[in-house]
Amino acid sequence: MADLKTLTKYNIVRQDDQLLIKYSDTDYLKDLKPFDRKAIGELKIAYGDKSGEELTKSTYISHPYYAINSLIAKDILSPEQYQRVLKARPVKSKTVLFTIGYEGITLEEYLNRLLLNDVRILCDVRNNPISMKFGFSKNQLENACSSIGINYLHLPQVGIQSEDRQDLKNQADYDQLFKVYRETTLQNTTENQKFILSLLQQHERIALTCFEANICQCHRKPLAEAIVKLDGWAYDLRHL
């Protein structure tokens, strides 16, 4: 869906009720390798005459996991097929505060990690939620989460200014950055931290997100540790 929106945005295709219509006269198939052209031809034969709902239903039947947060699955599937979707849903009872970075993984893998861990609210703790990586700027990420039933919140108050993150060459540089972060931002954002804890208590499984894959090089670690120290904490902390 995100790829389709991008193609539409740049006037490469337009969409009506049943079809995608290409604006350009360019024959993109000629630029493909024979193997890829053959694969696309086979795909067209198999699915080219199906409607969007038929394609969705086919996907849900073959891969029930992808329908676990769907708002339309119950309407387009038979009762037996819908039961397979319900059985595919991760059921988690423990209250957990997760943290997750998106460095080095695709948006699909990132969303799958959230789904598999039954995350219900994603708290974006970046000060500036803009990313050069596709899918991870604020609006894109919010839309992606919404499409799979996860609520998105941006909490810039607990982030670190971009200019403070320059020239970080080694772990010692990060450690110094987070020392200052603990002494300043975390001291001044207690109410924001309490708000995150209240979200956890209400929704049971929430995640803090930022960029870095290495938790020791991301401020979500000291932020999570500060939340753990608040009165009322009695839960698990897990870094994905």
C-alpha atoms as a PDB file:
ATOM      1  CA  MET A   1       0.000   0.000   0.000  1.00  0.00           C
ATOM      2  CA  ALA A   2       2.844   2.399   0.811  1.00  0.00           C
ATOM      3  CA  ASP A   3       4.463   1.632  -2.572  1.00  0.00           C
ATOM      4  CA  LEU A   4       1.151   2.306  -4.321  1.00  0.00           C
ATOM      5  CA  LYS A   5       0.802   5.665  -2.570  1.00  0.00           C
ATOM      6  CA  THR A   6       4.315   6.601  -3.683  1.00  0.00           C
ATOM      7  CA  LEU A   7       3.619   5.638  -7.306  1.00  0.00           C
ATOM      8  CA  THR A   8       0.427   7.686  -7.219  1.00  0.00           C
ATOM      9  CA  LYS A   9       2.160  10.658  -5.590  1.00  0.00           C
ATOM     10  CA  TYR A  10       4.681  10.863  -8.430  1.00  0.00           C
ATOM     11  CA  ASN A  11       1.998  10.432 -11.112  1.00  0.00           C
ATOM     12  CA  ILE A  12       3.333   7.087 -12.281  1.00  0.00           C
ATOM     13  CA  VAL A  13      -0.045   5.400 -11.864  1.00  0.00           C
ATOM     14  CA  ARG A  14      -3.600   6.358 -11.038  1.00  0.00           C
ATOM     15  CA  GLN A  15      -6.224   4.171  -9.445  1.00  0.00           C
ATOM     16  CA  ASP A  16      -9.914   3.703 -10.134  1.00  0.00           C
ATOM     17  CA  ASP A  17     -12.346   1.250  -8.538  1.00  0.00           C
ATOM     18  CA  GLN A  18     -10.889  -1.822 -10.215  1.00  0.00           C
ATOM     19  CA  LEU A  19      -7.654  -0.935 -11.992  1.00  0.00           C
ATOM     20  CA  LEU A  20      -4.260   0.690 -11.698  1.00  0.00           C
ATOM     21  CA  ILE A  21      -3.593   2.727 -14.828  1.00  0.00           C
ATOM     22  CA  LYS A  22      -0.044   3.686 -15.817  1.00  0.00           C
ATOM     23  CA  TYR A  23       0.445   7.291 -16.932  1.00  0.00           C
ATOM     24  CA  SER A  24       3.812   6.829 -18.605  1.00  0.00           C
ATOM     25  CA  ASP A  25       4.264   5.284 -22.060  1.00  0.00           C
ATOM     26  CA  THR A  26       7.539   3.742 -20.913  1.00  0.00           C
ATOM     27  CA  ASP A  27       7.649  -0.040 -21.307  1.00  0.00           C
ATOM     28  CA  TYR A  28       9.218  -0.981 -17.995  1.00  0.00           C
ATOM     29  CA  LEU A  29       9.062  -4.691 -18.819  1.00  0.00           C
ATOM     30  CA  LYS A  30      11.803  -4.260 -21.406  1.00  0.00           C
ATOM     31  CA  ASP A  31      14.187  -3.157 -18.663  1.00  0.00           C
ATOM     32  CA  LEU A  32      13.667  -6.360 -16.697  1.00  0.00           C
ATOM     33  CA  LYS A  33      15.635  -9.571 -16.918  1.00  0.00           C
ATOM     34  CA  PRO A  34      13.876 -12.452 -18.743  1.00  0.00           C
ATOM     35  CA  PHE A  35      13.362 -14.346 -15.487  1.00  0.00           C
ATOM     36  CA  ASP A  36      11.650 -11.336 -13.901  1.00  0.00           C
ATOM     37  CA  ARG A  37       9.478 -10.727 -16.973  1.00  0.00           C
ATOM     38  CA  LYS A  38       8.365 -14.356 -16.856  1.00  0.00           C
ATOM     39  CA  ALA A  39       7.553 -14.108 -13.140  1.00  0.00           C
ATOM     40  CA  ILE A  40       5.453 -10.988 -13.677  1.00  0.00           C
ATOM     41  CA  GLY A  41       3.619 -12.664 -16.543  1.00  0.00           C
ATOM     42  CA  GLU A  42       2.776 -15.643 -14.360  1.00  0.00           C
ATOM     43  CA  LEU A  43       1.626 -13.321 -11.595  1.00  0.00           C
ATOM     44  CA  LYS A  44      -0.671 -11.507 -13.997  1.00  0.00           C
ATOM     45  CA  ILE A  45      -2.184 -14.775 -15.223  1.00  0.00           C
ATOM     46  CA  ALA A  46      -2.826 -15.926 -11.663  1.00  0.00           C
ATOM     47  CA  TYR A  47      -4.110 -12.690 -10.153  1.00  0.00           C
ATOM     48  CA  GLY A  48      -4.606 -10.093 -12.885  1.00  0.00           C
ATOM     49  CA  ASP A  49      -8.386 -10.426 -13.079  1.00  0.00           C
ATOM     50  CA  LYS A  50      -9.006 -10.387  -9.325  1.00  0.00           C
ATOM     51  CA  SER A  51     -10.467  -7.437  -7.431  1.00  0.00           C
ATOM     52  CA  GLY A  52      -8.796  -5.881  -4.421  1.00  0.00           C
ATOM     53  CA  GLU A  53     -11.148  -7.722  -2.079  1.00  0.00           C
ATOM     54  CA  GLU A  54     -10.458 -11.037  -3.803  1.00  0.00           C
ATOM     55  CA  LEU A  55      -6.704 -10.484  -3.494  1.00  0.00           C
ATOM     56  CA  THR A  56      -7.078  -9.590   0.168  1.00  0.00           C
ATOM     57  CA  LYS A  57      -9.189 -12.661   0.839  1.00  0.00           C
ATOM     58  CA  SER A  58      -6.712 -14.909  -0.953  1.00  0.00           C
ATOM     59  CA  THR A  59      -3.869 -13.498   1.146  1.00  0.00           C
ATOM     60  CA  TYR A  60      -5.793 -13.927   4.389  1.00  0.00           C
ATOM     61  CA  ILE A  61      -6.645 -17.533   3.547  1.00  0.00           C
ATOM     62  CA  SER A  62      -3.054 -18.412   2.645  1.00  0.00           C
ATOM     63  CA  HIS A  63      -1.468 -16.379   5.458  1.00  0.00           C
ATOM     64  CA  PRO A  64      -3.918 -15.920   8.373  1.00  0.00           C
ATOM     65  CA  TYR A  65      -1.244 -14.137  10.407  1.00  0.00           C
ATOM     66  CA  TYR A  66      -1.491 -11.095   8.123  1.00  0.00           C
ATOM     67  CA  ALA A  67      -5.165 -10.702   9.040  1.00  0.00           C
ATOM     68  CA  ILE A  68      -4.846 -10.742  12.821  1.00  0.00           C
ATOM     69  CA  ASN A  69      -5.487  -6.983  13.135  1.00  0.00           C
ATOM     70  CA  SER A  70      -7.637  -6.620  10.032  1.00  0.00           C
ATOM     71  CA  LEU A  71     -10.917  -4.739  10.354  1.00  0.00           C
ATOM     72  CA  ILE A  72     -12.467  -6.538   7.375  1.00  0.00           C
ATOM     73  CA  ALA A  73     -11.314 -10.140   7.809  1.00  0.00           C
ATOM     74  CA  LYS A  74     -14.493 -11.228   9.567  1.00  0.00           C
ATOM     75  CA  ASP A  75     -16.621  -9.781   6.755  1.00  0.00           C
ATOM     76  CA  ILE A  76     -14.811 -11.365   3.816  1.00  0.00           C
ATOM     77  CA  LEU A  77     -13.844 -14.751   5.264  1.00  0.00           C
ATOM     78  CA  SER A  78     -15.987 -17.744   6.095  1.00  0.00           C
ATOM     79  CA  PRO A  79     -16.411 -18.575   9.817  1.00  0.00           C
ATOM     80  CA  GLU A  80     -13.938 -21.440   9.457  1.00  0.00           C
ATOM     81  CA  GLN A  81     -11.380 -19.232   7.705  1.00  0.00           C
ATOM     82  CA  TYR A  82     -11.797 -16.502  10.314  1.00  0.00           C
ATOM     83  CA  GLN A  83     -11.165 -19.005  13.104  1.00  0.00           C
ATOM     84  CA  ARG A  84      -7.752 -19.667  11.555  1.00  0.00           C
ATOM     85  CA  VAL A  85      -7.050 -15.941  11.823  1.00  0.00           C
ATOM     86  CA  LEU A  86      -8.033 -15.908  15.494  1.00  0.00           C
ATOM     87  CA  LYS A  87      -5.765 -18.876  16.182  1.00  0.00           C
ATOM     88  CA  ALA A  88      -2.862 -17.064  14.496  1.00  0.00           C
ATOM     89  CA  ARG A  89      -3.149 -14.062  16.824  1.00  0.00           C
ATOM     90  CA  PRO A  90      -0.380 -13.851  19.453  1.00  0.00           C
ATOM     91  CA  VAL A  91      -1.953 -13.941  22.898  1.00  0.00           C
ATOM     92  CA  LYS A  92       0.227 -12.354  25.547  1.00  0.00           C
ATOM     93  CA  SER A  93      -0.916 -11.845  29.117  1.00  0.00           C
ATOM     94  CA  LYS A  94       2.197 -10.369  30.744  1.00  0.00           C
ATOM     95  CA  THR A  95       2.576  -6.574  30.968  1.00  0.00           C
ATOM     96  CA  VAL A  96       5.785  -5.573  29.179  1.00  0.00           C
ATOM     97  CA  LEU A  97       7.509  -2.340  28.216  1.00  0.00           C
ATOM     98  CA  PHE A  98       9.412  -3.000  24.990  1.00  0.00           C
ATOM     99  CA  THR A  99      11.996  -0.923  23.196  1.00  0.00           C
ATOM    100  CA  ILE A 100      12.792  -1.310  19.509  1.00  0.00           C
ATOM    101  CA  GLY A 101      15.099   0.329  16.965  1.00  0.00           C
ATOM    102  CA  TYR A 102      14.585   0.237  13.215  1.00  0.00           C
ATOM    103  CA  GLU A 103      18.214   0.434  12.117  1.00  0.00           C
ATOM    104  CA  GLY A 104      19.096  -2.394   9.729  1.00  0.00           C
ATOM    105  CA  ILE A 105      15.597  -3.832   9.270  1.00  0.00           C
ATOM    106  CA  THR A 106      12.774  -3.231   6.824  1.00  0.00           C
ATOM    107  CA  LEU A 107       9.440  -1.709   7.750  1.00  0.00           C
ATOM    108  CA  GLU A 108       7.827  -5.121   7.248  1.00  0.00           C
ATOM    109  CA  GLU A 109      10.229  -6.816   9.668  1.00  0.00           C
ATOM    110  CA  TYR A 110       9.787  -3.975  12.157  1.00  0.00           C
ATOM    111  CA  LEU A 111       5.985  -4.232  12.082  1.00  0.00           C
ATOM    112  CA  ASN A 112       6.165  -8.012  12.335  1.00  0.00           C
ATOM    113  CA  ARG A 113       8.189  -7.729  15.530  1.00  0.00           C
ATOM    114  CA  LEU A 114       5.520  -5.464  16.985  1.00  0.00           C
ATOM    115  CA  LEU A 115       2.742  -7.848  15.961  1.00  0.00           C
ATOM    116  CA  LEU A 116       4.490 -10.970  17.212  1.00  0.00           C
ATOM    117  CA  ASN A 117       4.934  -9.341  20.610  1.00  0.00           C
ATOM    118  CA  ASP A 118       1.342  -8.072  20.715  1.00  0.00           C
ATOM    119  CA  VAL A 119       2.423  -4.427  21.030  1.00  0.00           C
ATOM    120  CA  ARG A 120      -0.637  -2.194  21.266  1.00  0.00           C
ATOM    121  CA  ILE A 121       0.886   1.281  21.430  1.00  0.00           C
ATOM    122  CA  LEU A 122       4.099   2.484  19.786  1.00  0.00           C
ATOM    123  CA  CYS A 123       5.681   5.503  21.480  1.00  0.00           C
ATOM    124  CA  ASP A 124       8.038   7.302  19.117  1.00  0.00           C
ATOM    125  CA  VAL A 125      10.604   8.949  21.401  1.00  0.00           C
ATOM    126  CA  ARG A 126      12.620  10.678  18.680  1.00  0.00           C
ATOM    127  CA  ASN A 127      12.863  14.434  19.080  1.00  0.00           C
ATOM    128  CA  ASN A 128      12.765  14.824  15.311  1.00  0.00           C
ATOM    129  CA  PRO A 129      10.687  12.003  13.759  1.00  0.00           C
ATOM    130  CA  ILE A 130      12.095  12.369  10.255  1.00  0.00           C
ATOM    131  CA  SER A 131      13.961   9.488   8.658  1.00  0.00           C
ATOM    132  CA  MET A 132      15.741   9.000   5.344  1.00  0.00           C
ATOM    133  CA  LYS A 133      14.722   5.353   5.607  1.00  0.00           C
ATOM    134  CA  PHE A 134      11.453   4.560   3.861  1.00  0.00           C
ATOM    135  CA  GLY A 135       8.506   4.066   6.168  1.00  0.00           C
ATOM    136  CA  PHE A 136       9.967   5.522   9.342  1.00  0.00           C
ATOM    137  CA  SER A 137       9.143   9.214   9.177  1.00  0.00           C
ATOM    138  CA  LYS A 138       6.310  10.174  11.497  1.00  0.00           C
ATOM    139  CA  ASN A 139       3.342  10.147   9.105  1.00  0.00           C
ATOM    140  CA  GLN A 140       4.490   7.009   7.295  1.00  0.00           C
ATOM    141  CA  LEU A 141       5.080   5.120  10.525  1.00  0.00           C
ATOM    142  CA  GLU A 142       1.806   6.290  12.030  1.00  0.00           C
ATOM    143  CA  ASN A 143      -0.108   5.151   8.937  1.00  0.00           C
ATOM    144  CA  ALA A 144       1.679   1.796   8.891  1.00  0.00           C
ATOM    145  CA  CYS A 145       0.869   1.182  12.551  1.00  0.00           C
ATOM    146  CA  SER A 146      -2.737   2.235  12.091  1.00  0.00           C
ATOM    147  CA  SER A 147      -3.139  -0.234   9.226  1.00  0.00           C
ATOM    148  CA  ILE A 148      -2.330  -3.149  11.556  1.00  0.00           C
ATOM    149  CA  GLY A 149      -4.233  -1.935  14.603  1.00  0.00           C
ATOM    150  CA  ILE A 150      -1.367  -0.416  16.602  1.00  0.00           C
ATOM    151  CA  ASN A 151      -1.766   3.077  18.039  1.00  0.00           C
ATOM    152  CA  TYR A 152       1.102   5.508  17.431  1.00  0.00           C
ATOM    153  CA  LEU A 153       2.136   8.360  19.721  1.00  0.00           C
ATOM    154  CA  HIS A 154       4.963  10.838  19.204  1.00  0.00           C
ATOM    155  CA  LEU A 155       6.633  11.986  22.439  1.00  0.00           C
ATOM    156  CA  PRO A 156       9.353  14.447  21.376  1.00  0.00           C
ATOM    157  CA  GLN A 157       9.793  15.821  24.900  1.00  0.00           C
ATOM    158  CA  VAL A 158      11.862  12.786  25.915  1.00  0.00           C
ATOM    159  CA  GLY A 159      14.011  12.862  22.775  1.00  0.00           C
ATOM    160  CA  ILE A 160      17.505  14.217  22.169  1.00  0.00           C
ATOM    161  CA  GLN A 161      18.111  17.184  19.882  1.00  0.00           C
ATOM    162  CA  SER A 162      19.744  16.280  16.571  1.00  0.00           C
ATOM    163  CA  GLU A 163      22.614  18.708  17.118  1.00  0.00           C
ATOM    164  CA  ASP A 164      23.521  16.919  20.348  1.00  0.00           C
ATOM    165  CA  ARG A 165      23.949  13.652  18.480  1.00  0.00           C
ATOM    166  CA  GLN A 166      26.727  14.804  16.163  1.00  0.00           C
ATOM    167  CA  ASP A 167      30.290  13.429  16.220  1.00  0.00           C
ATOM    168  CA  LEU A 168      29.500  10.287  18.185  1.00  0.00           C
ATOM    169  CA  LYS A 169      32.468   8.109  17.288  1.00  0.00           C
ATOM    170  CA  ASN A 170      32.598   5.434  19.985  1.00  0.00           C
ATOM    171  CA  GLN A 171      30.729   4.061  22.977  1.00  0.00           C
ATOM    172  CA  ALA A 172      32.419   6.540  25.311  1.00  0.00           C
ATOM    173  CA  ASP A 173      30.862   9.383  23.311  1.00  0.00           C
ATOM    174  CA  TYR A 174      27.423   7.797  23.651  1.00  0.00           C
ATOM    175  CA  ASP A 175      27.938   7.215  27.363  1.00  0.00           C
ATOM    176  CA  GLN A 176      28.753  10.897  27.853  1.00  0.00           C
ATOM    177  CA  LEU A 177      25.707  11.927  25.817  1.00  0.00           C
ATOM    178  CA  PHE A 178      23.430   9.763  27.942  1.00  0.00           C
ATOM    179  CA  LYS A 179      25.027  11.036  31.159  1.00  0.00           C
ATOM    180  CA  VAL A 180      23.975  14.544  30.170  1.00  0.00           C
ATOM    181  CA  TYR A 181      20.573  13.222  29.062  1.00  0.00           C
ATOM    182  CA  ARG A 182      19.973  11.671  32.477  1.00  0.00           C
ATOM    183  CA  GLU A 183      21.025  14.860  34.255  1.00  0.00           C
ATOM    184  CA  THR A 184      18.903  17.178  32.109  1.00  0.00           C
ATOM    185  CA  THR A 185      16.080  15.799  29.970  1.00  0.00           C
ATOM    186  CA  LEU A 186      15.146  12.921  32.242  1.00  0.00           C
ATOM    187  CA  GLN A 187      15.140  15.210  35.268  1.00  0.00           C
ATOM    188  CA  ASN A 188      12.785  17.606  33.479  1.00  0.00           C
ATOM    189  CA  THR A 189      10.362  15.105  31.951  1.00  0.00           C
ATOM    190  CA  THR A 190       9.143  13.121  34.933  1.00  0.00           C
ATOM    191  CA  GLU A 191       5.522  13.773  33.993  1.00  0.00           C
ATOM    192  CA  ASN A 192       6.132  12.417  30.495  1.00  0.00           C
ATOM    193  CA  GLN A 193       7.698   9.307  31.978  1.00  0.00           C
ATOM    194  CA  LYS A 194       4.715   8.864  34.297  1.00  0.00           C
ATOM    195  CA  PHE A 195       2.447   9.222  31.270  1.00  0.00           C
ATOM    196  CA  ILE A 196       4.290   6.387  29.515  1.00  0.00           C
ATOM    197  CA  LEU A 197       3.935   4.248  32.635  1.00  0.00           C
ATOM    198  CA  SER A 198       0.203   4.995  32.740  1.00  0.00           C
ATOM    199  CA  LEU A 199      -0.082   3.894  29.106  1.00  0.00           C
ATOM    200  CA  LEU A 200       1.652   0.652  30.004  1.00  0.00           C
ATOM    201  CA  GLN A 201      -0.646   0.062  32.962  1.00  0.00           C
ATOM    202  CA  GLN A 202      -3.691   0.681  30.791  1.00  0.00           C
ATOM    203  CA  HIS A 203      -2.675  -1.124  27.591  1.00  0.00           C
ATOM    204  CA  GLU A 204      -0.216  -3.686  29.016  1.00  0.00           C
ATOM    205  CA  ARG A 205       2.119  -3.959  26.018  1.00  0.00           C
ATOM    206  CA  ILE A 206       3.701  -0.801  24.617  1.00  0.00           C
ATOM    207  CA  ALA A 207       7.006  -0.071  22.907  1.00  0.00           C
ATOM    208  CA  LEU A 208       9.435   2.842  22.874  1.00  0.00           C
ATOM    209  CA  THR A 209      11.035   3.323  19.474  1.00  0.00           C
ATOM    210  CA  CYS A 210      13.997   5.190  18.050  1.00  0.00           C
ATOM    211  CA  PHE A 211      16.605   4.516  15.341  1.00  0.00           C
ATOM    212  CA  GLU A 212      19.581   2.633  16.753  1.00  0.00           C
ATOM    213  CA  ALA A 213      19.649  -1.157  16.728  1.00  0.00           C
ATOM    214  CA  ASN A 214      22.257  -1.190  19.505  1.00  0.00           C
ATOM    215  CA  ILE A 215      20.328  -0.409  22.675  1.00  0.00           C
ATOM    216  CA  CYS A 216      23.520   0.870  24.333  1.00  0.00           C
ATOM    217  CA  GLN A 217      23.728   3.604  21.706  1.00  0.00           C
ATOM    218  CA  CYS A 218      20.142   4.810  22.004  1.00  0.00           C
ATOM    219  CA  HIS A 219      18.497   7.066  24.575  1.00  0.00           C
ATOM    220  CA  ARG A 220      15.500   4.741  24.814  1.00  0.00           C
ATOM    221  CA  LYS A 221      17.600   2.613  27.195  1.00  0.00           C
ATOM    222  CA  PRO A 222      18.133   5.294  29.874  1.00  0.00           C
ATOM    223  CA  LEU A 223      14.553   6.454  29.300  1.00  0.00           C
ATOM    224  CA  ALA A 224      13.211   2.954  29.919  1.00  0.00           C
ATOM    225  CA  GLU A 225      15.449   2.581  32.963  1.00  0.00           C
ATOM    226  CA  ALA A 226      14.050   5.831  34.372  1.00  0.00           C
ATOM    227  CA  ILE A 227      10.490   4.569  33.903  1.00  0.00           C
ATOM    228  CA  VAL A 228      11.386   1.325  35.682  1.00  0.00           C
ATOM    229  CA  LYS A 229      12.381   3.371  38.749  1.00  0.00           C
ATOM    230  CA  LEU A 230       9.018   5.146  39.008  1.00  0.00           C
ATOM    231  CA  ASP A 231       6.589   4.328  41.787  1.00  0.00           C
ATOM    232  CA  GLY A 232       4.099   1.750  40.591  1.00  0.00           C
ATOM    233  CA  TRP A 233       6.483  -0.182  38.347  1.00  0.00           C
ATOM    234  CA  ALA A 234       5.965  -3.936  38.633  1.00  0.00           C
ATOM    235  CA  TYR A 235       6.427  -5.117  35.070  1.00  0.00           C
ATOM    236  CA  ASP A 236       8.954  -6.491  32.590  1.00  0.00           C
ATOM    237  CA  LEU A 237      11.314  -4.518  30.357  1.00  0.00           C
ATOM    238  CA  ARG A 238      12.399  -6.122  27.102  1.00  0.00           C
ATOM    239  CA  HIS A 239      14.548  -4.814  24.258  1.00  0.00           C
ATOM    240  CA  LEU A 240      13.523  -6.190  20.851  1.00  0.00           C
END
